[in-house]
Protein backbone atom coordinates (compact mmCIF):
# COMPACT_ATOMS: atom_id res chain seq x y z
CA MET A 1 89.97 237.51 131.96
CA THR A 2 93.45 238.41 132.15
CA ILE A 3 96.58 235.87 133.16
CA PRO A 4 98.87 238.22 135.99
CA SER A 5 101.76 239.83 134.47
CA GLU A 6 105.14 238.37 135.47
CA SER A 7 106.46 240.15 138.88
CA VAL A 8 102.76 238.95 140.14
CA ARG A 9 103.60 235.77 139.68
CA GLU A 10 106.53 235.79 141.33
CA ARG A 11 105.60 237.29 143.61
CA LYS A 12 102.71 235.34 144.52
CA GLY A 13 104.50 232.24 143.71
CA ILE A 14 102.30 231.65 141.07
CA ARG A 15 103.69 229.43 137.84
CA ALA A 16 102.57 230.34 134.56
CA GLU A 17 101.24 226.70 133.86
CA ASP A 18 99.12 226.55 136.84
CA VAL A 19 97.16 229.99 136.01
CA THR A 20 93.68 228.60 134.27
CA LYS A 21 91.15 230.29 132.26
CA SER A 22 88.98 229.32 134.77
CA ASP A 23 90.70 231.34 138.07
CA THR A 24 92.25 234.30 136.71
CA THR A 25 90.53 236.27 138.59
CA ALA A 26 91.11 234.55 141.90
CA ALA A 27 95.03 234.44 140.84
CA THR A 28 94.94 238.45 140.32
CA ILE A 29 93.11 239.50 143.19
CA GLY A 30 95.53 236.74 145.59
CA VAL A 31 91.96 234.30 146.56
CA THR A 32 92.05 231.14 145.74
CA ALA A 33 89.54 228.67 146.85
CA SER A 34 90.55 226.63 149.20
CA PRO A 35 90.24 222.54 150.07
CA TYR A 36 88.52 223.07 153.10
CA VAL A 37 86.29 225.20 151.32
CA THR A 38 84.98 223.45 148.69
CA GLY A 39 85.05 219.85 150.62
CA ALA A 40 82.76 221.64 153.88
CA LYS A 41 80.31 222.84 151.13
CA THR A 42 80.42 219.73 149.58
CA LEU A 43 79.78 217.64 153.18
CA ILE A 44 77.14 220.36 154.11
CA PHE A 45 75.51 219.79 150.91
CA TYR A 46 75.50 215.83 151.29
CA THR A 47 73.95 216.20 155.03
CA PHE A 48 71.63 218.56 153.87
CA LEU A 49 70.21 215.41 151.10
CA LEU A 50 70.64 212.72 153.87
CA ILE A 51 68.35 214.79 155.91
CA ALA A 52 65.63 216.03 153.22
CA VAL A 53 65.63 212.70 151.39
CA PRO A 54 63.71 210.43 153.58
CA VAL A 55 61.49 213.74 155.26
CA ILE A 56 60.25 213.96 151.63
CA ALA A 57 59.87 210.20 150.99
CA TYR A 58 57.81 210.18 153.67
CA TYR A 59 55.77 213.18 153.24
CA VAL A 60 55.17 212.41 149.40
CA GLY A 61 55.98 208.80 149.88
CA LYS A 62 53.58 207.34 152.92
CA GLY A 63 51.07 210.56 152.56
CA TYR A 64 50.43 210.54 149.04
CA VAL A 65 51.40 208.30 146.74
CA LEU A 66 51.43 204.96 148.88
CA GLU A 67 47.89 205.91 151.46
CA ASP A 68 46.23 208.37 148.65
CA LEU A 69 47.01 206.62 144.99
CA LEU A 70 47.42 203.06 145.98
CA GLY A 71 45.19 202.89 148.94
CA TYR A 72 47.19 200.81 151.53
CA SER A 73 46.66 200.72 155.11
CA LYS A 74 48.56 203.00 158.17
CA GLN A 75 50.67 200.01 158.52
CA GLN A 76 51.28 199.22 154.86
CA SER A 77 51.58 201.60 153.56
CA PHE A 78 54.90 202.49 156.91
CA ILE A 79 56.83 199.67 156.01
CA TYR A 80 56.92 200.51 152.22
CA TRP A 81 58.11 204.43 153.32
CA ALA A 82 60.93 202.95 155.37
CA ILE A 83 61.57 200.79 152.50
CA LEU A 84 62.08 203.86 150.36
CA SER A 85 63.90 205.46 153.10
CA VAL A 86 66.09 203.11 153.21
CA ILE A 87 67.07 203.10 149.19
CA GLY A 88 67.04 207.70 149.20
CA ILE A 89 69.48 206.92 151.69
CA HIS A 90 71.86 204.20 150.00
CA GLY A 91 71.30 206.06 146.32
CA VAL A 92 72.26 209.51 148.17
CA LEU A 93 76.14 207.03 149.65
CA GLY A 94 76.77 206.29 146.66
CA LEU A 95 76.06 209.62 145.05
CA MET A 96 78.86 211.08 148.23
CA ILE A 97 81.37 207.56 147.42
CA VAL A 98 81.20 208.20 143.47
CA LYS A 99 81.65 212.21 143.94
CA ALA A 100 84.64 211.20 146.56
CA PHE A 101 86.40 208.63 143.85
CA ARG A 102 86.35 211.49 141.27
CA GLU A 103 86.68 214.56 142.75
CA GLU A 104 91.06 215.55 142.61
CA VAL A 105 93.09 215.41 144.81
CA VAL A 106 95.13 218.71 145.96
CA ILE A 107 97.82 219.41 146.99
CA PRO A 108 99.14 222.66 148.23
CA ALA A 109 102.17 224.48 146.73
CA ARG A 110 105.23 224.52 149.03
CA VAL A 111 105.77 228.44 150.83
CA PRO A 112 109.30 229.61 149.79
CA THR A 113 111.24 229.57 153.09
CA LYS A 114 113.81 232.07 153.15
CA GLN A 115 117.51 231.01 152.66
CA ASP A 116 120.08 233.18 154.36
């Protein structure tokens, strides 16, 4: 990975201290990761988890663990399954909050305007 030349950096408005080894390829070809794209990926991931955790808890927890292994009746297993689902959703929400607090705030750079 090479850091773009001085003229390329000036033309694209990239300062040398802003270029790190992880984004040298992106800076070379002029593609940068938008904060909206990474935010959308994170949102889609946690939305998937919020849907998948209760469904997985239902089939694994209620069907296999509670009824087959522990021998609970259908009514008892339904109550415990609901508790497991609520705990799972709270776990996902906790992970989402931790991710939000650890995320770096990205302020887009100002594009220089032409002055006469």
